[in-house]
Amino acid sequence: MNNPSDTDIPFPKTETFRSPMGKHAAILREAVKIDDKKNPGNLMIRLIWELTNIKSDRFIYKVGKSYPLERNTSEELFADLESWFGDDLKRFEVEGVLRLKNLIGERADLFLTHVHNPNYDAPYVHVKEIHPEGTGRQIE
């Protein structure tokens, strides 16, 4: 049996956004505002989930999805949130405002697809669907 010594160094877990496609259980870890790279001066909301159904000694698998935050362009964000929470979305509302930080720690089923771009080695991981944990259908 190996005993740890002063020269043993554990491998750190590395975060990776190179997640496999398909259905995954996940937990929301971050909800942050970011600059919109395509439209300078505009902001976006970025939701970042950790995939909890993939067990690895080396990697923490994550995926993210960004949503425009311009007036009248948040339809995709609200469509995803309604698919995820349904009428229960109201519990995250405080005085008429959706508090995205209150979503952190919530679990979901995500359906991921890959979009291949010849300019990049790894495919882009697209969060295609978001559903309540344990209720999502298999992706086709």
Protein backbone atom coordinates (compact mmCIF):
# COMPACT_ATOMS: atom_id res chain seq x y z
CA MET A 1 0.00 0.00 0.00
CA ASN A 2 1.31 3.45 -0.89
CA ASN A 3 1.70 5.94 1.92
CA PRO A 4 1.57 9.65 1.18
CA SER A 5 4.90 11.37 1.50
CA ASP A 6 6.19 14.90 1.38
CA THR A 7 6.75 14.50 -2.36
CA ASP A 8 3.22 13.31 -3.17
CA ILE A 9 1.20 16.05 -4.81
CA PRO A 10 -2.49 15.45 -5.55
CA PHE A 11 -3.69 16.31 -9.02
CA PRO A 12 -5.93 19.36 -8.84
CA LYS A 13 -9.35 19.14 -10.43
CA THR A 14 -9.48 21.26 -13.55
CA GLU A 15 -12.61 22.98 -14.81
CA THR A 16 -13.40 22.18 -18.41
CA PHE A 17 -16.11 23.45 -20.73
CA ARG A 18 -15.46 20.55 -23.14
CA SER A 19 -18.54 18.69 -22.03
CA PRO A 20 -20.05 15.70 -23.83
CA MET A 21 -23.32 16.09 -25.67
CA GLY A 22 -26.55 14.48 -24.48
CA LYS A 23 -28.69 14.68 -21.37
CA HIS A 24 -26.95 15.74 -18.14
CA ALA A 25 -27.92 16.48 -14.56
CA ALA A 26 -26.55 19.84 -13.51
CA ILE A 27 -26.49 22.46 -10.78
CA LEU A 28 -26.31 26.18 -11.47
CA ARG A 29 -23.06 27.58 -10.07
CA GLU A 30 -22.96 31.14 -11.46
CA ALA A 31 -25.23 33.84 -12.83
CA VAL A 32 -23.14 36.82 -13.90
CA LYS A 33 -23.31 39.88 -16.11
CA ILE A 34 -20.72 39.95 -18.89
CA ASP A 35 -19.90 42.25 -21.80
CA ASP A 36 -21.42 41.27 -25.14
CA LYS A 37 -18.41 40.62 -27.39
CA LYS A 38 -20.51 40.91 -30.56
CA ASN A 39 -22.18 44.18 -29.47
CA PRO A 40 -19.72 46.28 -27.44
CA GLY A 41 -21.44 48.39 -24.79
CA ASN A 42 -24.24 45.85 -24.30
CA LEU A 43 -24.45 43.39 -21.45
CA MET A 44 -25.37 39.73 -21.29
CA ILE A 45 -26.34 37.34 -18.53
CA ARG A 46 -24.21 34.19 -18.39
CA LEU A 47 -25.50 31.13 -16.56
CA ILE A 48 -22.89 28.48 -15.72
CA TRP A 49 -23.80 24.96 -14.62
CA GLU A 50 -21.67 22.14 -13.26
CA LEU A 51 -22.56 18.74 -14.69
CA THR A 52 -23.19 16.48 -11.70
CA ASN A 53 -23.75 13.17 -13.46
CA ILE A 54 -20.17 12.93 -14.75
CA LYS A 55 -17.76 11.68 -12.11
CA SER A 56 -14.09 12.38 -12.73
CA ASP A 57 -11.00 12.52 -10.56
CA ARG A 58 -9.44 15.09 -12.89
CA PHE A 59 -12.18 17.34 -14.26
CA ILE A 60 -15.15 19.42 -13.19
CA TYR A 61 -17.39 19.57 -16.26
CA LYS A 62 -19.16 22.86 -16.81
CA VAL A 63 -21.36 24.44 -19.46
CA GLY A 64 -22.53 27.99 -19.92
CA LYS A 65 -25.16 29.86 -21.83
CA SER A 66 -25.25 33.61 -22.45
CA TYR A 67 -28.35 35.71 -22.98
CA PRO A 68 -28.61 39.29 -24.28
CA LEU A 69 -29.75 41.73 -21.62
CA GLU A 70 -30.99 44.48 -23.93
CA ARG A 71 -34.55 45.67 -23.59
CA ASN A 72 -37.01 43.23 -25.23
CA THR A 73 -34.30 40.69 -26.06
CA SER A 74 -34.52 38.53 -22.97
CA GLU A 75 -37.20 36.26 -24.47
CA GLU A 76 -34.76 33.34 -24.78
CA LEU A 77 -33.69 33.71 -21.14
CA PHE A 78 -37.28 33.74 -19.90
CA ALA A 79 -38.26 30.88 -22.23
CA ASP A 80 -35.43 28.76 -20.77
CA LEU A 81 -36.31 29.76 -17.20
CA GLU A 82 -39.99 28.93 -17.75
CA SER A 83 -39.03 25.57 -19.26
CA TRP A 84 -36.86 24.96 -16.19
CA PHE A 85 -39.16 26.25 -13.42
CA GLY A 86 -42.64 26.72 -14.89
CA ASP A 87 -44.94 28.63 -12.52
CA ASP A 88 -42.38 28.09 -9.76
CA LEU A 89 -40.25 30.82 -11.39
CA LYS A 90 -42.25 33.35 -9.35
CA ARG A 91 -40.47 32.27 -6.16
CA PHE A 92 -37.31 33.97 -7.47
CA GLU A 93 -39.11 37.28 -7.96
CA VAL A 94 -38.53 40.02 -5.42
CA GLU A 95 -40.60 43.21 -5.76
CA GLY A 96 -41.18 42.64 -9.47
CA VAL A 97 -37.54 41.82 -10.22
CA LEU A 98 -36.12 38.41 -11.07
CA ARG A 99 -33.13 37.81 -8.78
CA LEU A 100 -30.87 35.58 -10.87
CA LYS A 101 -28.43 35.12 -7.98
CA ASN A 102 -31.22 33.27 -6.16
CA LEU A 103 -31.13 30.61 -8.90
CA ILE A 104 -27.63 29.54 -7.87
CA GLY A 105 -27.72 26.03 -6.44
CA GLU A 106 -30.85 25.03 -8.39
CA ARG A 107 -30.70 21.70 -10.20
CA ALA A 108 -31.73 21.02 -13.80
CA ASP A 109 -31.59 18.54 -16.64
CA LEU A 110 -29.65 19.99 -19.57
CA PHE A 111 -29.58 18.80 -23.14
CA LEU A 112 -26.28 19.60 -24.80
CA THR A 113 -25.39 19.52 -28.47
CA HIS A 114 -22.10 20.19 -30.23
CA VAL A 115 -21.61 22.75 -32.96
CA HIS A 116 -18.48 22.10 -35.00
CA ASN A 117 -16.47 24.99 -36.37
CA PRO A 118 -13.45 24.19 -38.56
CA ASN A 119 -11.59 27.14 -37.00
CA TYR A 120 -11.52 25.45 -33.56
CA ASP A 121 -10.19 22.12 -32.33
CA ALA A 122 -13.05 21.47 -29.92
CA PRO A 123 -16.75 21.82 -30.71
CA TYR A 124 -18.85 24.57 -29.20
CA VAL A 125 -21.12 23.10 -26.51
CA HIS A 126 -24.67 24.44 -26.90
CA VAL A 127 -27.21 24.25 -24.07
CA LYS A 128 -30.19 23.34 -26.23
CA GLU A 129 -32.80 22.65 -23.54
CA ILE A 130 -33.22 23.17 -19.80
CA HIS A 131 -35.77 21.18 -17.76
CA PRO A 132 -36.52 20.51 -14.09
CA GLU A 133 -34.25 17.89 -12.60
CA GLY A 134 -35.39 14.36 -13.40
CA THR A 135 -38.06 15.40 -15.90
CA GLY A 136 -36.18 15.96 -19.14
CA ARG A 137 -36.68 13.73 -22.15
CA GLN A 138 -33.88 12.09 -24.10
CA ILE A 139 -32.37 14.25 -26.79
CA GLU A 140 -32.85 13.11 -30.36
